[in-house]
Amino acid sequence: MINILTTYDVNGIRQALSAHPGLANEGIPYDDVNTTKAHPLHRICDGVFRKIIRKKKPLNWQRYFWSTGRTLMATA
């Protein structure tokens, strides 16, 4: 999922979430060294902060989640 997010593959996101809706709330590791998992929205924010994800792209993903009726739930 993180590869899909960092390459801005909107179709890939759609396909992944259609096949596995639970991915919308499944933890994603920070990187290969820090494997601590966090919510996908948290990892998107990390990518924006690290400048590997451009700031406008996450808005498209958020709109997609909302347009399909998915809810993004923060988990601990």
C-alpha atoms as a PDB file:
ATOM      1  CA  MET A   1       0.000   0.000   0.000  1.00  0.00           C
ATOM      2  CA  ILE A   2       2.810   2.474   0.795  1.00  0.00           C
ATOM      3  CA  ASN A   3       4.257   1.973  -2.701  1.00  0.00           C
ATOM      4  CA  ILE A   4       0.870   2.811  -4.188  1.00  0.00           C
ATOM      5  CA  LEU A   5       0.680   5.965  -2.064  1.00  0.00           C
ATOM      6  CA  THR A   6       4.180   7.229  -2.861  1.00  0.00           C
ATOM      7  CA  THR A   7       3.777   6.639  -6.607  1.00  0.00           C
ATOM      8  CA  TYR A   8       0.389   8.438  -6.674  1.00  0.00           C
ATOM      9  CA  ASP A   9      -1.261   5.387  -8.208  1.00  0.00           C
ATOM     10  CA  VAL A  10      -4.922   6.354  -7.710  1.00  0.00           C
ATOM     11  CA  ASN A  11      -6.137   3.389  -9.774  1.00  0.00           C
ATOM     12  CA  GLY A  12      -3.946   1.121  -7.676  1.00  0.00           C
ATOM     13  CA  ILE A  13      -5.522   2.548  -4.520  1.00  0.00           C
ATOM     14  CA  ARG A  14      -9.000   1.964  -5.954  1.00  0.00           C
ATOM     15  CA  GLN A  15      -8.185  -1.603  -6.925  1.00  0.00           C
ATOM     16  CA  ALA A  16      -6.497  -2.415  -3.612  1.00  0.00           C
ATOM     17  CA  LEU A  17      -9.378  -1.008  -1.567  1.00  0.00           C
ATOM     18  CA  SER A  18     -12.005  -2.666  -3.755  1.00  0.00           C
ATOM     19  CA  ALA A  19     -10.317  -6.021  -3.279  1.00  0.00           C
ATOM     20  CA  HIS A  20      -9.462  -5.456   0.409  1.00  0.00           C
ATOM     21  CA  PRO A  21     -11.570  -2.684   2.020  1.00  0.00           C
ATOM     22  CA  GLY A  22      -9.853  -3.246   5.370  1.00  0.00           C
ATOM     23  CA  LEU A  23      -6.658  -1.716   3.967  1.00  0.00           C
ATOM     24  CA  ALA A  24      -8.220   1.705   4.587  1.00  0.00           C
ATOM     25  CA  ASN A  25      -7.488   1.184   8.276  1.00  0.00           C
ATOM     26  CA  GLU A  26      -4.613  -1.302   8.216  1.00  0.00           C
ATOM     27  CA  GLY A  27      -1.305  -0.163   9.693  1.00  0.00           C
ATOM     28  CA  ILE A  28       1.597   0.623   7.364  1.00  0.00           C
ATOM     29  CA  PRO A  29       5.265   0.512   8.463  1.00  0.00           C
ATOM     30  CA  TYR A  30       7.245   3.772   8.316  1.00  0.00           C
ATOM     31  CA  ASP A  31      10.093   2.196   6.324  1.00  0.00           C
ATOM     32  CA  ASP A  32      12.300  -0.907   6.229  1.00  0.00           C
ATOM     33  CA  VAL A  33      14.166   0.149   9.385  1.00  0.00           C
ATOM     34  CA  ASN A  34      11.251   1.468  11.476  1.00  0.00           C
ATOM     35  CA  THR A  35       8.602  -1.189  11.009  1.00  0.00           C
ATOM     36  CA  THR A  36       6.212   0.293  13.568  1.00  0.00           C
ATOM     37  CA  LYS A  37       2.795   0.365  11.930  1.00  0.00           C
ATOM     38  CA  ALA A  38       0.520   3.407  11.844  1.00  0.00           C
ATOM     39  CA  HIS A  39      -2.775   4.325  10.180  1.00  0.00           C
ATOM     40  CA  PRO A  40      -2.511   5.035   6.400  1.00  0.00           C
ATOM     41  CA  LEU A  41      -3.439   8.709   6.917  1.00  0.00           C
ATOM     42  CA  HIS A  42      -0.595   9.013   9.415  1.00  0.00           C
ATOM     43  CA  ARG A  43       1.828   7.519   6.899  1.00  0.00           C
ATOM     44  CA  ILE A  44       0.572   9.910   4.213  1.00  0.00           C
ATOM     45  CA  CYS A  45       1.351  12.781   6.593  1.00  0.00           C
ATOM     46  CA  ASP A  46       4.803  11.278   7.196  1.00  0.00           C
ATOM     47  CA  GLY A  47       5.359  11.167   3.430  1.00  0.00           C
ATOM     48  CA  VAL A  48       4.348  14.816   3.030  1.00  0.00           C
ATOM     49  CA  PHE A  49       6.676  15.794   5.886  1.00  0.00           C
ATOM     50  CA  ARG A  50       9.542  13.786   4.332  1.00  0.00           C
ATOM     51  CA  LYS A  51       8.708  15.347   0.938  1.00  0.00           C
ATOM     52  CA  ILE A  52       8.189  11.987  -0.770  1.00  0.00           C
ATOM     53  CA  ILE A  53       4.474  12.735  -1.209  1.00  0.00           C
ATOM     54  CA  ARG A  54       3.370  16.064  -2.679  1.00  0.00           C
ATOM     55  CA  LYS A  55       0.925  18.007  -0.557  1.00  0.00           C
ATOM     56  CA  LYS A  56      -2.022  18.055  -2.998  1.00  0.00           C
ATOM     57  CA  LYS A  57      -2.098  14.334  -3.744  1.00  0.00           C
ATOM     58  CA  PRO A  58      -3.439  13.197  -0.337  1.00  0.00           C
ATOM     59  CA  LEU A  59      -6.512  15.370  -0.892  1.00  0.00           C
ATOM     60  CA  ASN A  60      -7.384  13.261  -3.938  1.00  0.00           C
ATOM     61  CA  TRP A  61      -7.075  10.090  -1.856  1.00  0.00           C
ATOM     62  CA  GLN A  62      -9.229  11.564   0.909  1.00  0.00           C
ATOM     63  CA  ARG A  63     -11.894  12.535  -1.639  1.00  0.00           C
ATOM     64  CA  TYR A  64     -11.798   9.025  -3.072  1.00  0.00           C
ATOM     65  CA  PHE A  65     -12.313   7.442   0.352  1.00  0.00           C
ATOM     66  CA  TRP A  66     -15.276   9.741   1.024  1.00  0.00           C
ATOM     67  CA  SER A  67     -16.816   9.298  -2.435  1.00  0.00           C
ATOM     68  CA  THR A  68     -16.993   5.536  -1.955  1.00  0.00           C
ATOM     69  CA  GLY A  69     -18.567   5.862   1.474  1.00  0.00           C
ATOM     70  CA  ARG A  70     -15.530   4.489   3.285  1.00  0.00           C
ATOM     71  CA  THR A  71     -14.775   5.799   6.703  1.00  0.00           C
ATOM     72  CA  LEU A  72     -11.245   6.151   7.928  1.00  0.00           C
ATOM     73  CA  MET A  73     -10.983   5.266  11.556  1.00  0.00           C
ATOM     74  CA  ALA A  74      -7.982   6.140  13.684  1.00  0.00           C
ATOM     75  CA  THR A  75      -6.742   3.136  15.596  1.00  0.00           C
ATOM     76  CA  ALA A  76      -4.209   2.882  18.354  1.00  0.00           C
END
